[in-house]
Structures are given as C-alpha cells and as structure tokens.
Amino acid sequence: MIIRIAHSPDSDDAFMFYAINQKKIDTKGYEFVDILSDIETLNKEALKGTYEVSAISIHAFPYVADKYALLSSGASMGDNYGPMVVSKEPFDVKELKNKKIA
C-alpha cells in the first residue's frame, strides 16, 4: 500500500518524516511517497481529501475534520513560534484585542 505524505519543504516538516523517508524504521510493507508543497496548496488539496497524510494550517483543520484526524506528532506552533502579528507601528500584545486584523 502506498501512503502519500504531503508536507512543506521546511526542515521541521521534513524532520518529522525523516526516519520513514530514510528507511530507518520498519514500515511493515507500507510504501511512503513524499509530496512537497507550500501550506496554502496543501490546505486546498486537503479540502478535496487528496492525500492520505497532509500537513495543513491549524486554521484549515475544522474544514477537513471530516476527512482527516490530527496526528499525535508534529505541530509547528508553541510559545514564541507560529503565527505572528506584523504591524506598521509597535504596540503591546495586550492592545491586540482592540486592533483590526486584516
């Protein structure tokens, strides 16, 4: 059985699947194929259920929850990492709730 793993070419995504790709673990007869693409494209393909395993943005998950489950490994978010707010003028994070985000 072939399982396509779609993810971004970013090093953190590639690292999550390194052991599989480099045949460092026994895959019990499963064959894995890497599909590399940007996250926007992966989100769109996930809406169609294109790949067996796919990286997506966390925002996209509610829209694909009928097709995919979250894996217990891998997530590119955490303290001081992940989505950022960029502005023309500096402000305190406490002021964010009063700001318009486009």
Protein backbone atom coordinates (compact mmCIF):
# COMPACT_ATOMS: atom_id res chain seq x y z
CA MET A 1 0.00 0.00 0.00
CA ILE A 2 1.29 3.45 -0.92
CA ILE A 3 0.73 6.31 1.53
CA ARG A 4 1.38 9.82 0.26
CA ILE A 5 2.68 12.20 2.92
CA ALA A 6 2.18 15.79 1.79
CA HIS A 7 4.14 18.44 3.67
CA SER A 8 6.06 21.64 3.18
CA PRO A 9 9.75 21.50 2.29
CA ASP A 10 10.51 23.27 5.59
CA SER A 11 13.06 21.48 7.75
CA ASP A 12 10.65 20.90 10.66
CA ASP A 13 8.17 19.08 8.41
CA ALA A 14 10.92 17.11 6.69
CA PHE A 15 12.37 16.09 10.07
CA MET A 16 9.06 14.60 11.23
CA PHE A 17 9.20 12.05 8.40
CA TYR A 18 12.98 11.56 8.19
CA ALA A 19 13.02 8.06 9.68
CA ILE A 20 10.37 6.87 7.23
CA ASN A 21 11.99 8.52 4.21
CA GLN A 22 15.46 7.24 5.03
CA LYS A 23 14.16 3.73 5.79
CA LYS A 24 15.43 3.91 9.38
CA ILE A 25 12.33 2.10 10.64
CA ASP A 26 10.38 -0.94 9.51
CA THR A 27 7.28 0.33 7.71
CA LYS A 28 5.64 -3.11 7.78
CA GLY A 29 5.35 -3.25 4.00
CA TYR A 30 3.85 0.20 3.55
CA GLU A 31 5.46 2.43 0.94
CA PHE A 32 5.60 6.15 1.62
CA VAL A 33 5.88 8.87 -1.00
CA ASP A 34 6.79 12.49 -0.16
CA ILE A 35 4.72 15.25 -1.72
CA LEU A 36 6.30 18.67 -1.13
CA SER A 37 4.24 21.83 -1.48
CA ASP A 38 3.50 25.16 0.18
CA ILE A 39 0.97 25.18 3.01
CA GLU A 40 -1.68 27.11 1.05
CA THR A 41 -1.68 24.44 -1.66
CA LEU A 42 -1.73 21.68 0.97
CA ASN A 43 -4.75 23.31 2.63
CA LYS A 44 -6.60 23.40 -0.71
CA GLU A 45 -5.73 19.78 -1.50
CA ALA A 46 -6.82 18.69 1.98
CA LEU A 47 -10.25 20.21 1.34
CA LYS A 48 -10.53 17.70 -1.52
CA GLY A 49 -9.06 14.84 0.55
CA THR A 50 -6.26 14.40 -1.97
CA TYR A 51 -3.55 12.82 0.22
CA GLU A 52 -3.59 10.10 2.84
CA VAL A 53 -1.47 12.26 5.21
CA SER A 54 -1.06 16.02 4.87
CA ALA A 55 0.36 18.96 6.73
CA ILE A 56 -2.18 21.79 6.95
CA SER A 57 -2.51 25.04 8.82
CA ILE A 58 -4.37 24.68 12.11
CA HIS A 59 -6.99 27.09 10.76
CA ALA A 60 -7.81 24.61 7.98
CA PHE A 61 -8.45 21.66 10.29
CA PRO A 62 -12.14 22.35 11.09
CA TYR A 63 -12.82 22.37 7.34
CA VAL A 64 -11.19 18.96 6.81
CA ALA A 65 -12.02 17.25 10.12
CA ASP A 66 -14.49 15.01 8.26
CA LYS A 67 -11.60 13.69 6.13
CA TYR A 68 -8.54 13.82 8.41
CA ALA A 69 -7.53 13.21 12.02
CA LEU A 70 -4.76 15.09 13.80
CA LEU A 71 -1.58 13.08 14.29
CA SER A 72 -0.15 12.95 17.79
CA SER A 73 3.24 14.01 16.44
CA GLY A 74 4.26 17.18 14.71
CA ALA A 75 2.99 20.69 15.14
CA SER A 76 4.69 23.90 14.19
CA MET A 77 3.31 26.05 16.95
CA GLY A 78 4.12 26.92 20.52
CA ASP A 79 5.40 29.74 22.68
CA ASN A 80 7.36 32.28 20.64
CA TYR A 81 6.73 30.28 17.48
CA GLY A 82 3.94 30.10 14.95
CA PRO A 83 1.56 32.76 13.69
CA MET A 84 2.82 36.30 14.13
CA VAL A 85 1.14 39.67 14.03
CA VAL A 86 3.05 42.21 11.96
CA SER A 87 2.20 45.90 12.21
CA LYS A 88 3.46 49.24 10.95
CA GLU A 89 3.66 50.61 14.50
CA PRO A 90 4.82 48.81 17.65
CA PHE A 91 2.26 48.10 20.36
CA ASP A 92 1.91 45.92 23.43
CA VAL A 93 0.36 42.48 22.95
CA LYS A 94 -2.36 43.46 25.45
CA GLU A 95 -3.59 46.01 22.90
CA LEU A 96 -4.13 43.30 20.28
CA LYS A 97 -7.75 42.64 21.26
CA ASN A 98 -8.60 46.23 20.25
CA LYS A 99 -6.83 46.03 16.88
CA LYS A 100 -8.32 45.21 13.50
CA ILE A 101 -6.56 42.27 11.89
CA ALA A 102 -6.92 42.08 8.13
